[in-house]
Protein backbone atom coordinates (compact mmCIF):
# COMPACT_ATOMS: atom_id res chain seq x y z
CA MET A 1 0.41 -0.04 0.14
CA GLU A 2 1.46 3.45 -1.14
CA PRO A 3 0.47 6.96 -2.50
CA MET A 4 -0.88 6.86 -6.01
CA LEU A 5 0.20 9.39 -8.25
CA LEU A 6 -3.04 9.75 -10.69
CA ARG A 7 -2.57 10.37 -14.33
CA PRO A 8 -5.94 12.54 -15.69
CA VAL A 9 -8.27 11.85 -18.34
CA GLY A 10 -8.75 15.82 -20.62
CA LYS A 11 -11.96 17.15 -22.19
CA ASP A 12 -12.06 19.61 -24.83
CA TYR A 13 -15.62 21.23 -24.28
CA LEU A 14 -15.66 24.33 -26.70
CA TRP A 15 -15.75 26.85 -23.69
CA GLY A 16 -11.99 25.55 -22.61
CA GLY A 17 -8.43 27.47 -23.01
CA SER A 18 -4.98 26.64 -22.53
CA ARG A 19 -4.27 27.20 -19.17
CA LEU A 20 -4.15 24.04 -17.59
CA LYS A 21 -1.62 23.12 -20.24
CA ASN A 22 0.39 26.01 -19.45
CA GLU A 23 -0.01 26.80 -15.85
CA TYR A 24 -0.70 22.99 -14.55
CA TYR A 25 1.13 21.16 -16.59
CA LYS A 26 -1.46 19.24 -18.24
CA ASP A 27 -0.03 16.94 -20.85
CA CYS A 28 -3.33 16.09 -22.66
CA PRO A 29 -3.68 15.85 -25.99
CA GLN A 30 -7.16 17.88 -26.21
CA LYS A 31 -7.31 21.45 -27.64
CA PRO A 32 -9.08 23.56 -26.00
CA LEU A 33 -8.46 21.79 -22.91
CA ALA A 34 -11.63 22.36 -20.60
CA GLU A 35 -11.40 20.19 -17.66
CA THR A 36 -8.93 17.41 -16.60
CA TRP A 37 -10.66 14.40 -14.31
CA GLU A 38 -7.74 13.97 -11.66
CA CYS A 39 -9.34 11.67 -9.49
CA SER A 40 -12.17 9.49 -11.27
CA VAL A 41 -13.63 6.09 -11.82
CA HIS A 42 -16.43 7.43 -13.92
CA PRO A 43 -16.62 5.43 -17.28
CA ASP A 44 -16.70 8.87 -19.06
CA GLY A 45 -13.18 9.51 -17.64
CA PRO A 46 -11.17 6.82 -15.87
CA SER A 47 -7.64 8.29 -14.32
CA LYS A 48 -4.90 5.84 -14.02
CA ILE A 49 -2.27 5.33 -11.72
CA ALA A 50 1.36 6.77 -12.77
CA ASN A 51 3.45 5.20 -10.42
CA GLY A 52 4.47 2.04 -8.01
CA GLY A 53 3.25 -1.19 -8.43
CA GLU A 54 0.05 -0.45 -9.60
CA LYS A 55 1.17 1.76 -12.27
CA GLY A 56 -0.68 1.72 -15.26
CA LYS A 57 -3.86 0.44 -14.16
CA THR A 58 -7.04 2.76 -13.89
CA LEU A 59 -7.96 3.80 -10.53
CA ALA A 60 -11.31 1.74 -11.13
CA ALA A 61 -9.43 -1.63 -11.95
CA VAL A 62 -7.41 -1.06 -8.77
CA LEU A 63 -10.54 -0.06 -6.17
CA HIS A 64 -12.74 -3.04 -7.65
CA GLU A 65 -9.82 -5.57 -6.64
CA LEU A 66 -8.98 -3.77 -3.38
CA PRO A 67 -12.54 -2.17 -2.16
CA GLU A 68 -11.10 -1.79 1.09
CA TYR A 69 -8.82 1.29 0.16
CA LEU A 70 -12.00 3.33 -0.10
CA GLY A 71 -12.64 2.82 3.91
CA THR A 72 -15.15 1.85 5.98
CA LYS A 73 -17.42 5.18 5.53
CA ALA A 74 -17.12 5.23 1.47
CA SER A 75 -17.56 1.72 0.32
CA GLY A 76 -20.32 3.00 -1.86
CA GLU A 77 -23.35 0.65 -3.10
CA LEU A 78 -21.22 -0.99 -5.91
CA ARG A 79 -17.76 -2.75 -4.94
CA GLY A 80 -15.39 -0.46 -5.32
CA GLU A 81 -17.21 2.56 -6.21
CA LEU A 82 -15.29 5.89 -5.43
CA PRO A 83 -18.11 8.14 -4.79
CA ILE A 84 -16.54 11.44 -5.73
CA LEU A 85 -14.93 12.93 -8.70
CA VAL A 86 -11.87 16.02 -8.42
CA LYS A 87 -11.19 17.79 -11.77
CA PHE A 88 -9.50 21.02 -12.58
CA ILE A 89 -11.73 23.62 -14.69
CA ASP A 90 -10.63 25.96 -17.18
CA ALA A 91 -13.41 28.49 -18.25
CA GLU A 92 -12.12 30.47 -20.99
CA LYS A 93 -15.60 30.99 -22.33
CA ASP A 94 -18.86 31.22 -20.75
CA LEU A 95 -20.34 27.61 -19.29
CA SER A 96 -23.82 26.96 -20.45
CA VAL A 97 -26.30 27.62 -17.75
CA GLN A 98 -27.40 24.21 -16.28
CA VAL A 99 -28.11 21.81 -13.63
CA HIS A 100 -27.85 18.63 -11.84
CA PRO A 101 -30.03 16.04 -10.54
CA SER A 102 -30.30 14.55 -7.00
CA ASP A 103 -29.20 11.13 -6.29
CA GLU A 104 -32.99 9.91 -6.37
CA TYR A 105 -33.73 11.40 -9.64
CA ALA A 106 -30.59 10.30 -11.33
CA ARG A 107 -30.42 7.30 -10.22
CA GLU A 108 -34.02 6.40 -11.58
CA HIS A 109 -33.77 8.24 -14.53
CA GLU A 110 -29.94 8.12 -15.38
CA HIS A 111 -28.70 4.92 -13.69
CA GLN A 112 -26.23 6.92 -12.19
CA ASN A 113 -25.55 9.24 -8.95
CA GLY A 114 -26.67 12.85 -8.80
CA LYS A 115 -24.25 16.06 -8.24
CA THR A 116 -23.73 18.05 -5.48
CA GLU A 117 -20.57 19.82 -6.17
CA MET A 118 -18.10 22.39 -4.87
CA TRP A 119 -15.71 24.91 -6.29
CA TYR A 120 -12.41 26.55 -5.04
CA VAL A 121 -11.65 29.30 -7.29
CA LEU A 122 -7.88 28.89 -7.95
CA ASP A 123 -7.96 32.24 -10.29
CA ALA A 124 -10.59 34.71 -11.79
CA LYS A 125 -9.73 37.76 -14.22
CA PRO A 126 -10.84 40.88 -13.09
CA GLY A 127 -14.71 41.42 -13.28
CA ALA A 128 -15.40 37.44 -13.65
CA THR A 129 -18.55 36.34 -12.49
CA LEU A 130 -20.57 32.98 -12.18
CA VAL A 131 -24.00 32.36 -11.63
CA CYS A 132 -25.20 30.40 -8.47
CA GLY A 133 -29.13 30.28 -7.90
CA PHE A 134 -31.63 32.25 -9.20
CA ALA A 135 -32.32 36.07 -8.48
CA HIS A 136 -36.00 35.89 -7.39
CA ASP A 137 -38.48 33.05 -7.12
CA VAL A 138 -39.75 31.79 -10.83
CA THR A 139 -41.85 29.27 -12.32
CA PRO A 140 -41.33 26.75 -15.48
CA GLU A 141 -43.39 28.98 -17.50
CA ILE A 142 -41.23 31.85 -16.93
CA LEU A 143 -38.29 30.21 -17.51
CA ARG A 144 -39.27 28.66 -20.81
CA THR A 145 -39.90 32.33 -22.25
CA ALA A 146 -36.64 33.38 -20.75
CA VAL A 147 -35.06 30.86 -22.70
CA GLU A 148 -36.84 31.12 -25.92
CA THR A 149 -36.44 35.04 -25.61
CA GLY A 150 -32.99 35.17 -24.67
CA THR A 151 -33.67 36.95 -21.53
CA LEU A 152 -32.69 34.10 -18.69
CA GLY A 153 -29.56 36.18 -17.37
CA LYS A 154 -32.20 38.54 -15.45
CA HIS A 155 -33.60 35.77 -13.60
CA LEU A 156 -29.82 34.46 -12.33
CA GLN A 157 -28.12 35.37 -9.16
CA LYS A 158 -24.62 36.49 -10.55
CA VAL A 159 -21.62 36.62 -7.85
CA SER A 160 -18.25 38.54 -8.54
CA VAL A 161 -15.44 36.11 -7.60
CA CYS A 162 -11.60 36.20 -7.10
CA SER A 163 -9.22 33.96 -5.97
CA GLY A 164 -10.01 31.88 -3.08
CA ASP A 165 -13.52 32.30 -2.94
CA ILE A 166 -15.68 28.70 -2.47
CA PHE A 167 -19.07 27.81 -3.68
CA TYR A 168 -21.44 24.82 -2.66
CA ILE A 169 -23.29 23.98 -5.36
CA PRO A 170 -26.20 21.55 -4.10
CA ALA A 171 -28.37 19.11 -6.46
CA GLY A 172 -31.39 21.19 -8.09
CA THR A 173 -29.24 24.66 -8.23
CA ILE A 174 -28.85 26.43 -11.29
CA HIS A 175 -25.67 27.38 -12.23
CA ALA A 176 -23.02 28.42 -14.61
CA ILE A 177 -19.15 29.07 -14.18
CA GLY A 178 -18.26 32.62 -16.34
CA LYS A 179 -15.29 33.14 -18.53
CA GLY A 180 -12.24 33.86 -16.80
CA ILE A 181 -12.10 31.73 -14.14
CA LEU A 182 -10.11 28.97 -12.93
CA ILE A 183 -10.87 26.25 -10.41
CA ALA A 184 -11.00 22.99 -8.88
CA GLU A 185 -14.26 21.30 -8.26
CA ILE A 186 -14.75 18.38 -6.13
CA GLN A 187 -18.31 16.73 -6.82
CA GLU A 188 -20.16 13.44 -6.49
CA SER A 189 -19.05 10.79 -8.94
CA SER A 190 -21.68 11.83 -11.53
CA ASN A 191 -21.89 12.86 -15.28
CA VAL A 192 -25.36 14.18 -15.51
CA THR A 193 -25.92 17.61 -16.52
CA TYR A 194 -29.03 19.07 -17.95
CA ARG A 195 -28.37 22.24 -20.17
CA VAL A 196 -30.85 25.09 -19.51
CA TYR A 197 -29.29 27.55 -21.76
CA ASP A 198 -26.41 27.46 -23.82
CA TYR A 199 -26.24 30.82 -25.46
CA ASP A 200 -27.10 29.49 -29.00
CA ARG A 201 -23.65 28.59 -29.48
CA VAL A 202 -22.68 25.55 -32.11
CA ASP A 203 -20.00 23.19 -31.44
CA LYS A 204 -17.33 22.19 -34.02
CA ASN A 205 -19.43 20.92 -36.77
CA GLY A 206 -21.40 23.60 -36.73
CA GLN A 207 -24.08 22.15 -34.55
CA LYS A 208 -26.23 23.55 -31.34
CA ARG A 209 -25.59 21.21 -28.06
CA PRO A 210 -28.48 20.15 -26.70
CA LEU A 211 -30.38 21.35 -24.27
CA HIS A 212 -32.57 19.25 -21.72
CA PHE A 213 -35.07 22.11 -20.62
CA ASP A 214 -38.16 19.38 -19.52
CA LYS A 215 -35.58 17.28 -17.31
CA ALA A 216 -34.11 20.38 -15.95
CA VAL A 217 -37.36 21.64 -14.77
CA GLN A 218 -38.07 18.55 -13.10
CA VAL A 219 -35.07 18.95 -10.87
CA LEU A 220 -34.73 22.92 -10.52
CA ASN A 221 -35.10 24.50 -6.88
CA MET A 222 -36.94 27.01 -8.32
CA LYS A 223 -36.94 29.28 -5.17
CA ALA A 224 -34.97 32.53 -4.70
CA GLY A 225 -30.94 31.41 -4.15
CA ALA A 226 -28.96 31.20 -1.13
CA ASP A 227 -26.74 33.99 0.34
CA VAL A 228 -23.48 32.99 -1.40
CA ARG A 229 -21.43 35.93 -0.18
CA GLN A 230 -17.97 34.60 1.44
CA ARG A 231 -17.42 34.37 5.22
CA PRO A 232 -14.39 34.46 7.46
CA ARG A 233 -13.04 30.36 7.53
CA LYS A 234 -11.02 29.50 10.89
CA VAL A 235 -7.61 28.98 9.93
CA ASP A 236 -5.36 26.75 12.84
CA TYR A 237 -1.72 27.35 12.53
CA TYR A 238 1.02 24.44 13.04
CA TYR A 239 4.30 24.56 13.22
CA GLY A 240 5.26 24.13 9.39
CA CYS A 241 1.50 24.38 7.98
CA ALA A 242 -1.81 26.05 8.09
CA ARG A 243 -5.00 24.16 7.69
CA GLU A 244 -8.68 25.41 7.19
CA ILE A 245 -11.97 23.48 6.65
CA LEU A 246 -13.29 24.72 3.08
CA CYS A 247 -16.30 22.96 3.07
CA ARG A 248 -18.17 19.46 4.83
CA SER A 249 -21.15 18.08 3.46
CA LYS A 250 -22.80 14.38 3.42
CA TYR A 251 -20.51 13.67 0.20
CA PHE A 252 -17.09 14.79 1.07
CA GLU A 253 -14.88 17.24 3.19
CA THR A 254 -12.57 19.46 1.83
CA GLU A 255 -9.81 21.04 3.43
CA ARG A 256 -6.75 23.29 2.39
CA VAL A 257 -3.24 23.07 3.53
CA ARG A 258 -0.65 25.57 3.17
CA VAL A 259 2.40 23.96 3.76
CA ASN A 260 5.65 25.86 4.73
CA LEU A 261 8.08 23.27 5.76
CA GLY A 262 6.32 20.01 6.67
CA PHE A 263 2.88 18.77 7.45
CA SER A 264 1.62 14.71 9.07
CA PHE A 265 -1.36 13.62 9.41
CA THR A 266 -2.72 9.96 9.29
CA VAL A 267 -5.00 8.48 6.70
CA MET A 268 -7.85 5.64 8.93
CA PHE A 269 -9.39 2.79 7.83
CA THR A 270 -12.61 5.04 7.99
CA SER A 271 -11.95 6.83 4.37
CA PHE A 272 -9.43 7.28 1.65
CA GLN A 273 -8.13 10.93 0.79
CA VAL A 274 -7.07 12.64 -1.72
CA LEU A 275 -4.40 15.34 -2.43
CA LEU A 276 -4.60 18.08 -5.13
CA CYS A 277 -1.79 20.24 -5.60
CA ILE A 278 -2.41 24.06 -6.24
CA ASN A 279 0.85 25.28 -5.98
CA GLY A 280 4.50 24.60 -5.17
CA GLY A 281 5.82 20.99 -4.63
CA GLY A 282 7.06 18.80 -2.86
CA GLY A 283 7.30 15.33 -1.70
CA ILE A 284 5.49 12.50 0.29
CA THR A 285 6.33 9.71 2.26
CA SER A 286 3.89 7.01 4.38
CA GLU A 287 4.61 4.61 7.20
CA GLY A 288 7.25 1.62 5.71
CA LYS A 289 8.36 4.09 2.50
CA HIS A 290 11.33 6.04 2.67
CA LYS A 291 11.53 7.30 -0.68
CA PRO A 292 8.99 10.20 -0.72
CA LEU A 293 6.91 10.17 -4.06
CA ARG A 294 7.40 13.45 -5.71
CA PHE A 295 4.82 16.13 -6.76
CA LYS A 296 4.44 19.43 -8.37
CA LYS A 297 1.98 21.83 -8.89
CA GLY A 298 -1.50 20.22 -10.56
CA ASP A 299 -0.75 16.84 -9.52
CA CYS A 300 -3.28 14.84 -7.51
CA ILE A 301 -2.47 11.82 -5.70
CA PHE A 302 -5.00 8.87 -3.90
CA LEU A 303 -4.28 7.49 -0.65
CA PRO A 304 -5.57 4.71 0.49
CA ALA A 305 -7.73 4.03 3.68
CA GLY A 306 -5.78 2.44 6.04
CA LEU A 307 -2.42 3.96 4.65
CA GLY A 308 -1.22 5.34 8.25
CA ARG A 309 1.00 7.94 9.13
CA CYS A 310 1.99 10.42 6.12
CA HIS A 311 4.29 13.35 5.79
CA VAL A 312 4.56 16.14 3.50
CA LEU A 313 7.49 18.22 2.87
CA GLY A 314 7.98 20.94 0.77
CA LYS A 315 6.40 24.24 -0.04
CA CYS A 316 2.96 23.92 -1.35
CA GLU A 317 -0.87 24.46 -1.16
CA MET A 318 -2.96 21.74 -1.55
CA LEU A 319 -7.15 20.73 -1.16
CA LYS A 320 -6.97 17.54 1.20
CA ILE A 321 -10.55 15.74 0.40
CA ARG A 322 -11.92 12.95 2.39
CA CYS A 323 -15.34 11.14 2.49
């Protein structure tokens, strides 16, 4: 058992850019490169192991063979099912206005999980905004007219963003990442998206991407959106690092760790953990392993449940995720 460096899968959605290649060192062939699925067992984009005895295997295959690596809290309904998916997203252009269904709806109608997610803003150009919820209560009739007339924007809650902002997007929330925003996303393991509006854009074949209005109105929360203003977060300072909880939900817990010298923690049998390096670099060792696994900005590492005491050396900033 050892830390596993993951190799991502890229996605070339029409709104993507080049920052993931240029700034996060992603060696993916897609152009544009809109997303990299860093830690994933989803069949639409399974990540692979890049080091050690499992090198070359998909993470899905390893977890199917060794489901105990998930931990007692995250075993899932299916053998070897990782309950989360971790991504980088580069929005050079606006994403579609969209919604994700709940677990109940998605499992009945799409035969996979629903999708609740959180966003950590890595960078945002001046004036960048995103959509999170409605500005006021709406109805299906109001929405249909707005989509048909191109006036949906007046019903949406738009929020200015900057680096370090956190957004929690429960299933059923209308949302859209705006152009000029680079984020890390932690979500349920799902690829179900219902587009409500896509600005009448066409793809590389000259075709408009399909909308899913009828399904969307079945899962949308049509009440005015919650207050998403940023609030102060408690930061705990230790010798060599600082830690703060960014998000706790029934699906995942995300913590930001800033390492100046070193950072020690324990991976218990209850849950796997994932480290996503968002700045800097260093190395990680685990119990019984004296040679560190080196990592840099953009790298993602899967830590099997029960790995034990781990130690990170270097100067870096990372998101630490667990169930």
